Amino acid sequence: MSKTQLLKQIVACLNERLGVLDKAARASHAEATHESSKAENKYDTRGLEAAYLAGGQARQAKEILDSIKLYESLALKDFARGEPIELTALVELDSGGTRSWYFIGPRNGGLEIEFQGREVTVITPQSPLGENLMGKTAGERWTTRVGGTTIKHHVIAVS
């Protein structure tokens, strides 16, 4: 898998989300400032609620824009055999018999990308799985307990 292409796809996905959020924020702002949103009495809060929504959407848009800039400037590292997992690693993991792909990114954990026929999930080093993966190498195994169930994990590959 080409991590450069994966990174481009992550940025494209973030740009798509930014476009949707920007459109929603503009609509909320228009609603908040429209004449029909003026309070008819002291209990009418439509305009205020629309203004809060627009403000929240604008903050989210800024966070996504910051993430895009961060990913566009991210230096990718190619991992040699036996090298420990760190930021920008692409990891194939077997967890309880299910194989999954993860990209260790600086932000936007949970972002799922369809890439070259596989689903790749962005995780951060601060996430529980990210914390468990950091420093491990291909071939390492460990177990975790989730809700009384023991799950065996095996790092298949790191690139």
N, C-alpha and C. Protein backbone atom coordinates (compact mmCIF):
# COMPACT_ATOMS: atom_id res chain seq x y z
N MET A 1 0.83 -1.18 0.00
CA MET A 1 0.00 0.00 0.00
C MET A 1 0.88 1.24 0.00
N SER A 2 0.51 2.21 -0.82
CA SER A 2 1.24 3.47 -0.87
C SER A 2 0.68 4.41 0.19
N LYS A 3 1.51 4.71 1.18
CA LYS A 3 1.06 5.62 2.23
C LYS A 3 0.88 7.04 1.70
N THR A 4 1.63 7.41 0.67
CA THR A 4 1.47 8.73 0.07
C THR A 4 0.07 8.86 -0.50
N GLN A 5 -0.40 7.84 -1.20
CA GLN A 5 -1.76 7.86 -1.76
C GLN A 5 -2.80 7.83 -0.64
N LEU A 6 -2.54 7.06 0.41
CA LEU A 6 -3.45 7.00 1.54
C LEU A 6 -3.56 8.38 2.19
N LEU A 7 -2.44 9.05 2.36
CA LEU A 7 -2.43 10.39 2.95
C LEU A 7 -3.25 11.35 2.09
N LYS A 8 -3.09 11.26 0.77
CA LYS A 8 -3.88 12.11 -0.14
C LYS A 8 -5.37 11.83 0.02
N GLN A 9 -5.72 10.57 0.22
CA GLN A 9 -7.11 10.21 0.38
C GLN A 9 -7.66 10.71 1.73
N ILE A 10 -6.85 10.68 2.77
CA ILE A 10 -7.26 11.22 4.07
C ILE A 10 -7.54 12.71 3.93
N VAL A 11 -6.65 13.44 3.26
CA VAL A 11 -6.84 14.88 3.05
C VAL A 11 -8.09 15.13 2.21
N ALA A 12 -8.32 14.32 1.18
CA ALA A 12 -9.51 14.48 0.35
C ALA A 12 -10.79 14.26 1.17
N CYS A 13 -10.78 13.26 2.03
CA CYS A 13 -11.93 12.99 2.90
C CYS A 13 -12.17 14.15 3.86
N LEU A 14 -11.11 14.68 4.42
CA LEU A 14 -11.24 15.83 5.32
C LEU A 14 -11.76 17.06 4.56
N ASN A 15 -11.29 17.26 3.33
CA ASN A 15 -11.77 18.37 2.51
C ASN A 15 -13.26 18.22 2.21
N GLU A 16 -13.68 16.99 1.96
CA GLU A 16 -15.10 16.73 1.71
C GLU A 16 -15.94 17.07 2.95
N ARG A 17 -15.47 16.64 4.11
CA ARG A 17 -16.17 16.96 5.36
C ARG A 17 -16.20 18.46 5.60
N LEU A 18 -15.09 19.13 5.28
CA LEU A 18 -15.03 20.58 5.45
C LEU A 18 -16.06 21.27 4.56
N GLY A 19 -16.19 20.80 3.33
CA GLY A 19 -17.16 21.39 2.42
C GLY A 19 -18.59 21.25 2.93
N VAL A 20 -18.93 20.07 3.43
CA VAL A 20 -20.27 19.83 3.97
C VAL A 20 -20.51 20.71 5.19
N LEU A 21 -19.54 20.75 6.08
CA LEU A 21 -19.67 21.53 7.30
C LEU A 21 -19.73 23.03 7.00
N ASP A 22 -18.93 23.48 6.04
CA ASP A 22 -18.95 24.89 5.67
C ASP A 22 -20.32 25.29 5.12
N LYS A 23 -20.88 24.43 4.31
CA LYS A 23 -22.22 24.69 3.75
C LYS A 23 -23.27 24.75 4.87
N ALA A 24 -23.18 23.84 5.82
CA ALA A 24 -24.12 23.82 6.95
C ALA A 24 -23.94 25.06 7.83
N ALA A 25 -22.70 25.47 8.04
CA ALA A 25 -22.44 26.64 8.87
C ALA A 25 -23.00 27.90 8.21
N ARG A 26 -22.85 27.99 6.91
CA ARG A 26 -23.40 29.15 6.19
C ARG A 26 -24.92 29.17 6.29
N ALA A 27 -25.54 28.01 6.17
CA ALA A 27 -27.00 27.93 6.28
C ALA A 27 -27.46 28.32 7.69
N SER A 28 -26.75 27.84 8.71
CA SER A 28 -27.09 28.19 10.09
C SER A 28 -26.91 29.68 10.35
N HIS A 29 -25.85 30.23 9.79
CA HIS A 29 -25.61 31.67 9.96
C HIS A 29 -26.73 32.47 9.28
N ALA A 30 -27.11 32.05 8.08
CA ALA A 30 -28.20 32.73 7.38
C ALA A 30 -29.50 32.65 8.19
N GLU A 31 -29.74 31.49 8.79
CA GLU A 31 -30.94 31.30 9.62
C GLU A 31 -30.88 32.21 10.85
N ALA A 32 -29.71 32.30 11.46
CA ALA A 32 -29.57 33.10 12.68
C ALA A 32 -29.76 34.59 12.41
N THR A 33 -29.38 35.04 11.23
CA THR A 33 -29.45 36.47 10.93
C THR A 33 -30.68 36.86 10.11
N HIS A 34 -31.47 35.88 9.72
CA HIS A 34 -32.66 36.17 8.91
C HIS A 34 -33.72 36.88 9.75
N GLU A 35 -34.48 37.74 9.10
CA GLU A 35 -35.51 38.52 9.78
C GLU A 35 -36.53 37.64 10.49
N SER A 36 -36.83 36.48 9.93
CA SER A 36 -37.83 35.59 10.55
C SER A 36 -37.33 34.96 11.84
N SER A 37 -36.04 35.07 12.13
CA SER A 37 -35.49 34.48 13.35
C SER A 37 -35.51 35.44 14.53
N LYS A 38 -35.99 36.65 14.31
CA LYS A 38 -36.08 37.60 15.42
C LYS A 38 -37.08 37.08 16.45
N ALA A 39 -36.72 37.23 17.69
CA ALA A 39 -37.57 36.73 18.78
C ALA A 39 -38.92 37.45 18.79
N GLU A 40 -39.97 36.65 18.88
CA GLU A 40 -41.30 37.22 18.97
C GLU A 40 -41.68 37.52 20.41
N ASN A 41 -41.05 36.83 21.34
CA ASN A 41 -41.25 37.09 22.77
C ASN A 41 -40.01 36.62 23.51
N LYS A 42 -39.99 36.76 24.82
CA LYS A 42 -38.78 36.43 25.57
C LYS A 42 -38.47 34.94 25.60
N TYR A 43 -39.43 34.10 25.23
CA TYR A 43 -39.22 32.65 25.22
C TYR A 43 -38.80 32.12 23.84
N ASP A 44 -38.83 32.95 22.86
CA ASP A 44 -38.49 32.55 21.49
C ASP A 44 -36.97 32.63 21.32
N THR A 45 -36.33 31.48 21.20
CA THR A 45 -34.87 31.43 21.13
C THR A 45 -34.35 30.87 19.81
N ARG A 46 -35.19 30.83 18.77
CA ARG A 46 -34.77 30.26 17.48
C ARG A 46 -33.50 30.92 16.96
N GLY A 47 -33.49 32.23 16.93
CA GLY A 47 -32.33 32.94 16.41
C GLY A 47 -31.08 32.68 17.23
N LEU A 48 -31.21 32.67 18.55
CA LEU A 48 -30.07 32.40 19.43
C LEU A 48 -29.54 30.98 19.23
N GLU A 49 -30.45 30.02 19.12
CA GLU A 49 -30.04 28.64 18.89
C GLU A 49 -29.33 28.47 17.55
N ALA A 50 -29.85 29.13 16.52
CA ALA A 50 -29.20 29.06 15.21
C ALA A 50 -27.81 29.70 15.25
N ALA A 51 -27.67 30.78 16.02
CA ALA A 51 -26.37 31.43 16.16
C ALA A 51 -25.37 30.51 16.87
N TYR A 52 -25.82 29.85 17.93
CA TYR A 52 -24.94 28.89 18.63
C TYR A 52 -24.53 27.76 17.70
N LEU A 53 -25.47 27.25 16.93
CA LEU A 53 -25.19 26.17 15.99
C LEU A 53 -24.17 26.63 14.95
N ALA A 54 -24.37 27.81 14.40
CA ALA A 54 -23.43 28.34 13.40
C ALA A 54 -22.04 28.50 14.00
N GLY A 55 -21.96 28.97 15.24
CA GLY A 55 -20.66 29.14 15.90
C GLY A 55 -19.96 27.81 16.11
N GLY A 56 -20.72 26.80 16.55
CA GLY A 56 -20.14 25.47 16.74
C GLY A 56 -19.66 24.86 15.44
N GLN A 57 -20.43 25.04 14.39
CA GLN A 57 -20.04 24.50 13.08
C GLN A 57 -18.80 25.22 12.55
N ALA A 58 -18.71 26.51 12.79
CA ALA A 58 -17.52 27.25 12.36
C ALA A 58 -16.28 26.77 13.10
N ARG A 59 -16.41 26.47 14.41
CA ARG A 59 -15.27 25.93 15.18
C ARG A 59 -14.86 24.55 14.64
N GLN A 60 -15.85 23.71 14.33
CA GLN A 60 -15.53 22.39 13.78
C GLN A 60 -14.84 22.54 12.43
N ALA A 61 -15.30 23.47 11.61
CA ALA A 61 -14.68 23.69 10.31
C ALA A 61 -13.22 24.11 10.47
N LYS A 62 -12.95 24.96 11.46
CA LYS A 62 -11.57 25.39 11.71
C LYS A 62 -10.71 24.20 12.15
N GLU A 63 -11.25 23.34 12.99
CA GLU A 63 -10.51 22.15 13.42
C GLU A 63 -10.18 21.25 12.24
N ILE A 64 -11.14 21.08 11.33
CA ILE A 64 -10.89 20.24 10.16
C ILE A 64 -9.83 20.90 9.26
N LEU A 65 -9.94 22.21 9.09
CA LEU A 65 -8.95 22.93 8.28
C LEU A 65 -7.55 22.79 8.88
N ASP A 66 -7.46 22.89 10.20
CA ASP A 66 -6.16 22.69 10.88
C ASP A 66 -5.65 21.27 10.65
N SER A 67 -6.55 20.29 10.68
CA SER A 67 -6.16 18.89 10.44
C SER A 67 -5.65 18.72 9.01
N ILE A 68 -6.33 19.35 8.06
CA ILE A 68 -5.90 19.25 6.66
C ILE A 68 -4.48 19.78 6.52
N LYS A 69 -4.22 20.94 7.10
CA LYS A 69 -2.87 21.52 7.03
C LYS A 69 -1.84 20.59 7.67
N LEU A 70 -2.21 20.00 8.81
CA LEU A 70 -1.31 19.08 9.50
C LEU A 70 -1.00 17.85 8.65
N TYR A 71 -2.03 17.24 8.06
CA TYR A 71 -1.81 16.06 7.23
C TYR A 71 -1.06 16.40 5.95
N GLU A 72 -1.29 17.59 5.38
CA GLU A 72 -0.57 17.98 4.17
C GLU A 72 0.92 18.17 4.43
N SER A 73 1.29 18.52 5.65
CA SER A 73 2.71 18.73 5.98
C SER A 73 3.33 17.53 6.69
N LEU A 74 2.57 16.46 6.85
CA LEU A 74 3.03 15.29 7.59
C LEU A 74 4.12 14.54 6.81
N ALA A 75 5.25 14.31 7.45
CA ALA A 75 6.34 13.55 6.84
C ALA A 75 6.11 12.06 7.12
N LEU A 76 5.93 11.31 6.05
CA LEU A 76 5.69 9.87 6.19
C LEU A 76 7.00 9.14 6.39
N LYS A 77 6.95 8.13 7.23
CA LYS A 77 8.13 7.31 7.51
C LYS A 77 7.89 5.91 6.99
N ASP A 78 8.88 5.35 6.30
CA ASP A 78 8.83 3.95 5.89
C ASP A 78 9.47 3.13 7.00
N PHE A 79 8.76 2.13 7.45
CA PHE A 79 9.23 1.32 8.58
C PHE A 79 9.93 0.07 8.07
N ALA A 80 11.16 -0.12 8.53
CA ALA A 80 11.93 -1.31 8.19
C ALA A 80 11.45 -2.47 9.07
N ARG A 81 11.74 -3.67 8.65
CA ARG A 81 11.37 -4.85 9.42
C ARG A 81 11.94 -4.75 10.84
N GLY A 82 11.11 -4.98 11.84
CA GLY A 82 11.53 -4.95 13.23
C GLY A 82 11.53 -3.57 13.86
N GLU A 83 11.19 -2.53 13.08
CA GLU A 83 11.15 -1.18 13.62
C GLU A 83 9.85 -0.97 14.40
N PRO A 84 9.92 -0.29 15.56
CA PRO A 84 8.73 -0.11 16.37
C PRO A 84 7.70 0.84 15.73
N ILE A 85 6.44 0.58 16.03
CA ILE A 85 5.34 1.39 15.53
C ILE A 85 5.39 2.77 16.16
N GLU A 86 5.20 3.80 15.32
CA GLU A 86 5.09 5.17 15.77
C GLU A 86 4.22 5.92 14.78
N LEU A 87 4.15 7.23 14.91
CA LEU A 87 3.33 8.06 14.05
C LEU A 87 3.62 7.79 12.57
N THR A 88 2.62 7.72 11.77
CA THR A 88 2.57 7.47 10.32
C THR A 88 2.74 5.99 9.95
N ALA A 89 2.72 5.11 10.94
CA ALA A 89 2.79 3.67 10.62
C ALA A 89 1.44 3.21 10.08
N LEU A 90 1.50 2.34 9.10
CA LEU A 90 0.33 1.65 8.58
C LEU A 90 0.44 0.22 9.11
N VAL A 91 -0.54 -0.18 9.91
CA VAL A 91 -0.44 -1.43 10.65
C VAL A 91 -1.56 -2.38 10.26
N GLU A 92 -1.18 -3.62 9.96
CA GLU A 92 -2.17 -4.68 9.79
C GLU A 92 -2.21 -5.45 11.10
N LEU A 93 -3.40 -5.56 11.68
CA LEU A 93 -3.56 -6.16 12.99
C LEU A 93 -4.62 -7.25 12.97
N ASP A 94 -4.31 -8.37 13.61
CA ASP A 94 -5.30 -9.42 13.81
C ASP A 94 -5.75 -9.32 15.26
N SER A 95 -7.05 -9.06 15.44
CA SER A 95 -7.62 -8.97 16.79
C SER A 95 -8.74 -9.99 16.89
N GLY A 96 -8.49 -11.05 17.64
CA GLY A 96 -9.50 -12.08 17.83
C GLY A 96 -9.93 -12.74 16.53
N GLY A 97 -9.01 -12.87 15.59
CA GLY A 97 -9.32 -13.53 14.32
C GLY A 97 -9.81 -12.59 13.23
N THR A 98 -9.94 -11.31 13.53
CA THR A 98 -10.38 -10.33 12.54
C THR A 98 -9.20 -9.44 12.16
N ARG A 99 -8.89 -9.39 10.86
CA ARG A 99 -7.79 -8.55 10.41
C ARG A 99 -8.30 -7.16 10.04
N SER A 100 -7.54 -6.15 10.48
CA SER A 100 -7.89 -4.76 10.21
C SER A 100 -6.62 -3.97 9.91
N TRP A 101 -6.82 -2.85 9.20
CA TRP A 101 -5.71 -1.95 8.87
C TRP A 101 -5.91 -0.64 9.62
N TYR A 102 -4.81 -0.10 10.17
CA TYR A 102 -4.84 1.16 10.91
C TYR A 102 -3.69 2.04 10.46
N PHE A 103 -3.99 3.33 10.35
CA PHE A 103 -2.96 4.33 10.09
C PHE A 103 -2.83 5.16 11.36
N ILE A 104 -1.61 5.26 11.89
CA ILE A 104 -1.38 6.03 13.11
C ILE A 104 -1.18 7.50 12.68
N GLY A 105 -2.20 8.32 12.94
CA GLY A 105 -2.16 9.72 12.54
C GLY A 105 -2.15 10.64 13.74
N PRO A 106 -1.85 11.92 13.50
CA PRO A 106 -1.77 12.88 14.60
C PRO A 106 -3.14 13.35 15.11
N ARG A 107 -4.18 13.25 14.25
CA ARG A 107 -5.53 13.73 14.60
C ARG A 107 -6.57 12.93 13.82
N ASN A 108 -7.82 13.20 14.14
CA ASN A 108 -8.96 12.63 13.41
C ASN A 108 -9.09 11.13 13.56
N GLY A 109 -8.82 10.64 14.77
CA GLY A 109 -9.01 9.22 15.04
C GLY A 109 -10.46 8.82 14.76
N GLY A 110 -10.62 7.65 14.19
CA GLY A 110 -11.95 7.15 13.85
C GLY A 110 -12.32 7.38 12.40
N LEU A 111 -11.56 8.21 11.71
CA LEU A 111 -11.81 8.45 10.29
C LEU A 111 -11.56 7.15 9.54
N GLU A 112 -12.54 6.71 8.76
CA GLU A 112 -12.41 5.46 8.01
C GLU A 112 -12.29 5.78 6.53
N ILE A 113 -11.27 5.20 5.90
CA ILE A 113 -10.97 5.44 4.49
C ILE A 113 -11.03 4.11 3.75
N GLU A 114 -11.74 4.07 2.64
CA GLU A 114 -11.72 2.90 1.76
C GLU A 114 -10.52 3.11 0.85
N PHE A 115 -9.53 2.22 0.96
CA PHE A 115 -8.28 2.41 0.23
C PHE A 115 -7.79 1.09 -0.35
N GLN A 116 -7.68 1.05 -1.65
CA GLN A 116 -7.19 -0.12 -2.37
C GLN A 116 -7.91 -1.39 -1.93
N GLY A 117 -9.23 -1.30 -1.82
CA GLY A 117 -10.03 -2.47 -1.48
C GLY A 117 -10.05 -2.83 -0.01
N ARG A 118 -9.43 -2.01 0.81
CA ARG A 118 -9.41 -2.28 2.25
C ARG A 118 -9.92 -1.06 2.99
N GLU A 119 -10.51 -1.32 4.15
CA GLU A 119 -10.89 -0.21 5.02
C GLU A 119 -9.72 0.06 5.96
N VAL A 120 -9.27 1.31 5.94
CA VAL A 120 -8.18 1.74 6.83
C VAL A 120 -8.77 2.74 7.80
N THR A 121 -8.56 2.51 9.08
CA THR A 121 -9.05 3.41 10.12
C THR A 121 -7.89 4.23 10.67
N VAL A 122 -8.09 5.53 10.72
CA VAL A 122 -7.08 6.40 11.33
C VAL A 122 -7.26 6.32 12.84
N ILE A 123 -6.17 6.07 13.54
CA ILE A 123 -6.18 6.12 15.00
C ILE A 123 -5.04 7.02 15.45
N THR A 124 -5.15 7.54 16.65
CA THR A 124 -4.10 8.40 17.19
C THR A 124 -3.33 7.63 18.27
N PRO A 125 -2.11 8.07 18.55
CA PRO A 125 -1.34 7.42 19.61
C PRO A 125 -2.00 7.52 20.98
N GLN A 126 -2.93 8.48 21.15
CA GLN A 126 -3.59 8.68 22.44
C GLN A 126 -4.79 7.76 22.63
N SER A 127 -5.27 7.14 21.57
CA SER A 127 -6.42 6.23 21.69
C SER A 127 -5.98 4.95 22.40
N PRO A 128 -6.92 4.22 22.98
CA PRO A 128 -6.53 2.97 23.66
C PRO A 128 -5.78 2.00 22.75
N LEU A 129 -6.27 1.81 21.52
CA LEU A 129 -5.57 0.91 20.60
C LEU A 129 -4.23 1.51 20.19
N GLY A 130 -4.20 2.81 19.93
CA GLY A 130 -2.95 3.47 19.57
C GLY A 130 -1.90 3.32 20.65
N GLU A 131 -2.33 3.49 21.91
CA GLU A 131 -1.39 3.32 23.03
C GLU A 131 -0.82 1.90 23.06
N ASN A 132 -1.70 0.91 22.79
CA ASN A 132 -1.23 -0.48 22.80
C ASN A 132 -0.28 -0.77 21.65
N LEU A 133 -0.50 -0.12 20.50
CA LEU A 133 0.34 -0.39 19.33
C LEU A 133 1.69 0.31 19.37
N MET A 134 1.74 1.51 19.97
CA MET A 134 2.97 2.28 19.96
C MET A 134 4.13 1.48 20.57
N GLY A 135 5.21 1.41 19.80
CA GLY A 135 6.40 0.70 20.27
C GLY A 135 6.44 -0.78 19.94
N LYS A 136 5.30 -1.34 19.53
CA LYS A 136 5.29 -2.76 19.16
C LYS A 136 5.88 -2.92 17.77
N THR A 137 6.26 -4.15 17.43
CA THR A 137 6.82 -4.45 16.11
C THR A 137 6.01 -5.58 15.47
N ALA A 138 6.21 -5.76 14.18
CA ALA A 138 5.53 -6.84 13.46
C ALA A 138 5.85 -8.16 14.14
N GLY A 139 4.83 -8.97 14.34
CA GLY A 139 5.00 -10.27 14.98
C GLY A 139 4.65 -10.27 16.46
N GLU A 140 4.61 -9.11 17.10
CA GLU A 140 4.30 -9.06 18.53
C GLU A 140 2.85 -9.41 18.78
N ARG A 141 2.63 -10.01 19.95
CA ARG A 141 1.29 -10.40 20.39
C ARG A 141 1.04 -9.88 21.79
N TRP A 142 -0.24 -9.62 22.10
CA TRP A 142 -0.65 -9.25 23.44
C TRP A 142 -2.14 -9.52 23.57
N THR A 143 -2.60 -9.53 24.80
CA THR A 143 -4.03 -9.74 25.04
C THR A 143 -4.60 -8.56 25.82
N THR A 144 -5.90 -8.34 25.60
CA THR A 144 -6.63 -7.32 26.36
C THR A 144 -7.93 -7.93 26.84
N ARG A 145 -8.48 -7.33 27.88
CA ARG A 145 -9.79 -7.76 28.38
C ARG A 145 -10.78 -6.64 28.13
N VAL A 146 -11.87 -6.98 27.46
CA VAL A 146 -12.93 -6.02 27.19
C VAL A 146 -14.24 -6.62 27.67
N GLY A 147 -14.80 -6.02 28.69
CA GLY A 147 -16.09 -6.50 29.21
C GLY A 147 -16.08 -7.97 29.59
N GLY A 148 -15.03 -8.43 30.18
CA GLY A 148 -14.96 -9.83 30.62
C GLY A 148 -14.48 -10.79 29.54
N THR A 149 -14.24 -10.30 28.33
CA THR A 149 -13.77 -11.13 27.23
C THR A 149 -12.30 -10.85 26.97
N THR A 150 -11.52 -11.90 26.82
CA THR A 150 -10.10 -11.75 26.50
C THR A 150 -9.95 -11.79 24.98
N ILE A 151 -9.26 -10.77 24.45
CA ILE A 151 -9.02 -10.68 23.01
C ILE A 151 -7.52 -10.77 22.77
N LYS A 152 -7.16 -11.67 21.86
CA LYS A 152 -5.74 -11.82 21.49
C LYS A 152 -5.47 -10.95 20.26
N HIS A 153 -4.37 -10.18 20.32
CA HIS A 153 -3.96 -9.30 19.24
C HIS A 153 -2.61 -9.76 18.70
N HIS A 154 -2.44 -9.60 17.39
CA HIS A 154 -1.19 -9.97 16.74
C HIS A 154 -0.90 -8.93 15.64
N VAL A 155 0.24 -8.25 15.75
CA VAL A 155 0.65 -7.30 14.72
C VAL A 155 1.17 -8.12 13.55
N ILE A 156 0.46 -8.05 12.42
CA ILE A 156 0.84 -8.82 11.22
C ILE A 156 1.94 -8.09 10.45
N ALA A 157 1.71 -6.82 10.16
CA ALA A 157 2.67 -6.06 9.35
C ALA A 157 2.67 -4.59 9.75
N VAL A 158 3.83 -3.96 9.53
CA VAL A 158 4.00 -2.54 9.77
C VAL A 158 4.73 -1.97 8.57
N SER A 159 4.18 -0.90 8.00
CA SER A 159 4.89 -0.26 6.88
C SER A 159 4.83 1.25 7.05
